[in-house]
Amino acid sequence: METTGSISNYAPPASHNPQVVRVVLSDIQMSFGSMVMFILKWMFASIPAFIVMAVIMSIIFGILGVMFGGALAGLAAALGS
């Protein structure tokens, strides 16, 4: 993967006077095959994050179901469902 770019007017910060250096990326040259591989790797890397989020949400909704499930069942019985 080859990338090119330029940084104009860059001055490294002095040690006694630190400053914020802004960099603007103007272009990335990447072949189509490299881009496809990058997207596939990104997609496969997101699968474990999705699994972790699903487990966390299941726990949260399980706790909420235990807390409010009885109240909703009582409401349904009161309405005659």
N, C-alpha and C. Protein backbone atom coordinates (compact mmCIF):
# COMPACT_ATOMS: atom_id res chain seq x y z
N MET A 1 0.85 -1.16 0.00
CA MET A 1 0.00 0.00 0.00
C MET A 1 0.91 1.23 0.00
N GLU A 2 0.74 2.06 -0.96
CA GLU A 2 1.56 3.25 -1.10
C GLU A 2 0.70 4.48 -0.88
N THR A 3 1.17 5.35 -0.02
CA THR A 3 0.44 6.58 0.23
C THR A 3 1.35 7.76 -0.06
N THR A 4 0.77 8.82 -0.55
CA THR A 4 1.53 10.05 -0.78
C THR A 4 0.76 11.21 -0.21
N GLY A 5 1.44 12.25 0.10
CA GLY A 5 0.80 13.44 0.62
C GLY A 5 1.84 14.51 0.85
N SER A 6 1.41 15.66 1.25
CA SER A 6 2.36 16.73 1.52
C SER A 6 1.88 17.52 2.74
N ILE A 7 2.84 18.03 3.45
CA ILE A 7 2.56 18.89 4.60
C ILE A 7 3.22 20.22 4.29
N SER A 8 2.40 21.26 4.19
CA SER A 8 2.96 22.56 3.88
C SER A 8 3.09 23.39 5.15
N ASN A 9 4.13 24.19 5.18
CA ASN A 9 4.39 25.12 6.28
C ASN A 9 4.49 24.40 7.62
N TYR A 10 5.17 23.28 7.63
CA TYR A 10 5.33 22.54 8.87
C TYR A 10 6.59 23.00 9.58
N ALA A 11 6.44 23.39 10.82
CA ALA A 11 7.58 23.75 11.65
C ALA A 11 7.48 22.93 12.92
N PRO A 12 8.49 22.11 13.22
CA PRO A 12 8.40 21.31 14.44
C PRO A 12 8.36 22.22 15.67
N PRO A 13 7.56 21.85 16.66
CA PRO A 13 7.45 22.70 17.84
C PRO A 13 8.74 22.74 18.63
N ALA A 14 9.06 23.87 19.16
CA ALA A 14 10.23 24.00 20.01
C ALA A 14 9.94 23.35 21.35
N SER A 15 10.96 22.84 21.99
CA SER A 15 10.75 22.13 23.26
C SER A 15 10.26 23.06 24.35
N HIS A 16 10.62 24.33 24.30
CA HIS A 16 10.19 25.28 25.33
C HIS A 16 8.86 25.94 25.00
N ASN A 17 8.37 25.77 23.76
CA ASN A 17 7.12 26.39 23.34
C ASN A 17 6.30 25.38 22.54
N PRO A 18 5.65 24.43 23.21
CA PRO A 18 4.87 23.43 22.45
C PRO A 18 3.66 24.08 21.78
N GLN A 19 3.35 23.61 20.60
CA GLN A 19 2.20 24.14 19.87
C GLN A 19 1.49 23.01 19.15
N VAL A 20 0.26 23.26 18.76
CA VAL A 20 -0.52 22.28 18.02
C VAL A 20 -0.17 22.41 16.55
N VAL A 21 0.13 21.28 15.93
CA VAL A 21 0.45 21.27 14.50
C VAL A 21 -0.72 20.61 13.78
N ARG A 22 -1.34 21.33 12.85
CA ARG A 22 -2.45 20.78 12.08
C ARG A 22 -1.93 20.19 10.79
N VAL A 23 -2.45 19.01 10.47
CA VAL A 23 -2.07 18.33 9.24
C VAL A 23 -3.33 18.06 8.44
N VAL A 24 -3.33 18.39 7.17
CA VAL A 24 -4.46 18.14 6.28
C VAL A 24 -4.04 17.09 5.28
N LEU A 25 -4.73 15.98 5.28
CA LEU A 25 -4.46 14.90 4.34
C LEU A 25 -5.25 15.18 3.08
N SER A 26 -4.56 15.34 1.97
CA SER A 26 -5.26 15.75 0.75
C SER A 26 -5.58 14.59 -0.18
N ASP A 27 -4.82 13.49 -0.12
CA ASP A 27 -5.06 12.41 -1.06
C ASP A 27 -4.40 11.13 -0.55
N ILE A 28 -5.04 10.01 -0.81
CA ILE A 28 -4.46 8.70 -0.55
C ILE A 28 -4.53 7.91 -1.84
N GLN A 29 -3.40 7.48 -2.32
CA GLN A 29 -3.38 6.66 -3.53
C GLN A 29 -3.29 5.20 -3.11
N MET A 30 -4.35 4.46 -3.42
CA MET A 30 -4.44 3.07 -3.00
C MET A 30 -5.06 2.28 -4.13
N SER A 31 -4.47 1.14 -4.43
CA SER A 31 -5.04 0.33 -5.50
C SER A 31 -6.37 -0.27 -5.06
N PHE A 32 -7.19 -0.66 -6.04
CA PHE A 32 -8.52 -1.19 -5.73
C PHE A 32 -8.41 -2.47 -4.89
N GLY A 33 -7.48 -3.35 -5.25
CA GLY A 33 -7.30 -4.60 -4.50
C GLY A 33 -6.91 -4.35 -3.06
N SER A 34 -6.01 -3.39 -2.83
CA SER A 34 -5.60 -3.05 -1.47
C SER A 34 -6.77 -2.47 -0.69
N MET A 35 -7.60 -1.68 -1.36
CA MET A 35 -8.76 -1.09 -0.70
C MET A 35 -9.77 -2.17 -0.31
N VAL A 36 -9.98 -3.14 -1.18
CA VAL A 36 -10.90 -4.24 -0.88
C VAL A 36 -10.38 -5.04 0.31
N MET A 37 -9.08 -5.33 0.33
CA MET A 37 -8.51 -6.08 1.46
C MET A 37 -8.63 -5.28 2.76
N PHE A 38 -8.42 -3.98 2.69
CA PHE A 38 -8.55 -3.14 3.88
C PHE A 38 -9.98 -3.17 4.41
N ILE A 39 -10.95 -3.08 3.52
CA ILE A 39 -12.36 -3.10 3.94
C ILE A 39 -12.73 -4.47 4.52
N LEU A 40 -12.24 -5.55 3.92
CA LEU A 40 -12.52 -6.89 4.45
C LEU A 40 -11.92 -7.08 5.83
N LYS A 41 -10.69 -6.62 6.03
CA LYS A 41 -10.06 -6.73 7.35
C LYS A 41 -10.84 -5.92 8.38
N TRP A 42 -11.31 -4.74 7.98
CA TRP A 42 -12.10 -3.88 8.87
C TRP A 42 -13.41 -4.57 9.23
N MET A 43 -14.02 -5.23 8.24
CA MET A 43 -15.28 -5.93 8.48
C MET A 43 -15.08 -7.09 9.46
N PHE A 44 -14.03 -7.89 9.24
CA PHE A 44 -13.79 -9.02 10.13
C PHE A 44 -13.37 -8.56 11.53
N ALA A 45 -12.71 -7.43 11.63
CA ALA A 45 -12.33 -6.91 12.94
C ALA A 45 -13.53 -6.42 13.73
N SER A 46 -14.61 -6.07 13.05
CA SER A 46 -15.80 -5.57 13.76
C SER A 46 -16.66 -6.69 14.33
N ILE A 47 -16.47 -7.93 13.89
CA ILE A 47 -17.30 -9.04 14.36
C ILE A 47 -17.15 -9.26 15.87
N PRO A 48 -15.93 -9.33 16.43
CA PRO A 48 -15.84 -9.49 17.90
C PRO A 48 -16.47 -8.33 18.66
N ALA A 49 -16.36 -7.12 18.13
CA ALA A 49 -16.99 -5.97 18.81
C ALA A 49 -18.50 -6.12 18.81
N PHE A 50 -19.06 -6.61 17.71
CA PHE A 50 -20.50 -6.84 17.65
C PHE A 50 -20.93 -7.90 18.67
N ILE A 51 -20.15 -8.95 18.80
CA ILE A 51 -20.48 -10.02 19.75
C ILE A 51 -20.45 -9.48 21.18
N VAL A 52 -19.43 -8.69 21.51
CA VAL A 52 -19.33 -8.11 22.85
C VAL A 52 -20.52 -7.20 23.12
N MET A 53 -20.88 -6.35 22.14
CA MET A 53 -22.03 -5.46 22.33
C MET A 53 -23.33 -6.24 22.47
N ALA A 54 -23.49 -7.35 21.73
CA ALA A 54 -24.69 -8.16 21.84
C ALA A 54 -24.81 -8.77 23.23
N VAL A 55 -23.70 -9.23 23.80
CA VAL A 55 -23.71 -9.81 25.14
C VAL A 55 -24.07 -8.74 26.17
N ILE A 56 -23.47 -7.57 26.05
CA ILE A 56 -23.76 -6.48 26.99
C ILE A 56 -25.23 -6.08 26.91
N MET A 57 -25.76 -5.93 25.69
CA MET A 57 -27.17 -5.55 25.54
C MET A 57 -28.10 -6.65 26.05
N SER A 58 -27.74 -7.91 25.86
CA SER A 58 -28.56 -9.01 26.39
C SER A 58 -28.63 -8.96 27.91
N ILE A 59 -27.51 -8.67 28.53
CA ILE A 59 -27.50 -8.57 30.00
C ILE A 59 -28.37 -7.41 30.45
N ILE A 60 -28.22 -6.25 29.79
CA ILE A 60 -29.01 -5.07 30.17
C ILE A 60 -30.50 -5.34 29.99
N PHE A 61 -30.90 -5.88 28.83
CA PHE A 61 -32.32 -6.14 28.60
C PHE A 61 -32.83 -7.27 29.49
N GLY A 62 -31.98 -8.23 29.86
CA GLY A 62 -32.39 -9.26 30.80
C GLY A 62 -32.69 -8.68 32.17
N ILE A 63 -31.83 -7.76 32.63
CA ILE A 63 -32.06 -7.11 33.92
C ILE A 63 -33.34 -6.28 33.87
N LEU A 64 -33.51 -5.51 32.79
CA LEU A 64 -34.73 -4.71 32.66
C LEU A 64 -35.97 -5.58 32.56
N GLY A 65 -35.87 -6.72 31.91
CA GLY A 65 -37.01 -7.64 31.81
C GLY A 65 -37.40 -8.21 33.15
N VAL A 66 -36.41 -8.52 33.97
CA VAL A 66 -36.70 -9.03 35.32
C VAL A 66 -37.32 -7.92 36.17
N MET A 67 -36.82 -6.71 36.03
CA MET A 67 -37.32 -5.61 36.85
C MET A 67 -38.74 -5.20 36.44
N PHE A 68 -39.00 -5.09 35.15
CA PHE A 68 -40.28 -4.57 34.69
C PHE A 68 -41.19 -5.62 34.07
N GLY A 69 -40.75 -6.84 33.96
CA GLY A 69 -41.57 -7.89 33.35
C GLY A 69 -42.83 -8.17 34.13
N GLY A 70 -42.74 -8.20 35.45
CA GLY A 70 -43.90 -8.43 36.29
C GLY A 70 -44.91 -7.29 36.18
N ALA A 71 -44.41 -6.09 36.08
CA ALA A 71 -45.30 -4.93 35.97
C ALA A 71 -46.07 -4.97 34.65
N LEU A 72 -45.38 -5.35 33.58
CA LEU A 72 -46.04 -5.42 32.29
C LEU A 72 -47.02 -6.58 32.22
N ALA A 73 -46.72 -7.68 32.91
CA ALA A 73 -47.65 -8.82 32.93
C ALA A 73 -48.91 -8.44 33.72
N GLY A 74 -48.74 -7.71 34.80
CA GLY A 74 -49.89 -7.26 35.57
C GLY A 74 -50.75 -6.28 34.78
N LEU A 75 -50.12 -5.43 34.00
CA LEU A 75 -50.84 -4.49 33.16
C LEU A 75 -51.63 -5.22 32.08
N ALA A 76 -51.03 -6.23 31.48
CA ALA A 76 -51.72 -7.00 30.44
C ALA A 76 -52.92 -7.74 31.03
N ALA A 77 -52.77 -8.27 32.26
CA ALA A 77 -53.89 -8.97 32.90
C ALA A 77 -55.00 -7.99 33.24
N ALA A 78 -54.65 -6.79 33.64
CA ALA A 78 -55.65 -5.78 33.98
C ALA A 78 -56.43 -5.33 32.75
N LEU A 79 -55.78 -5.32 31.60
CA LEU A 79 -56.44 -4.91 30.38
C LEU A 79 -57.26 -6.05 29.76
N GLY A 80 -57.12 -7.24 30.30
CA GLY A 80 -57.91 -8.38 29.84
C GLY A 80 -57.36 -9.04 28.59
N SER A 81 -56.06 -8.96 28.38
CA SER A 81 -55.48 -9.58 27.18
C SER A 81 -55.36 -11.07 27.33
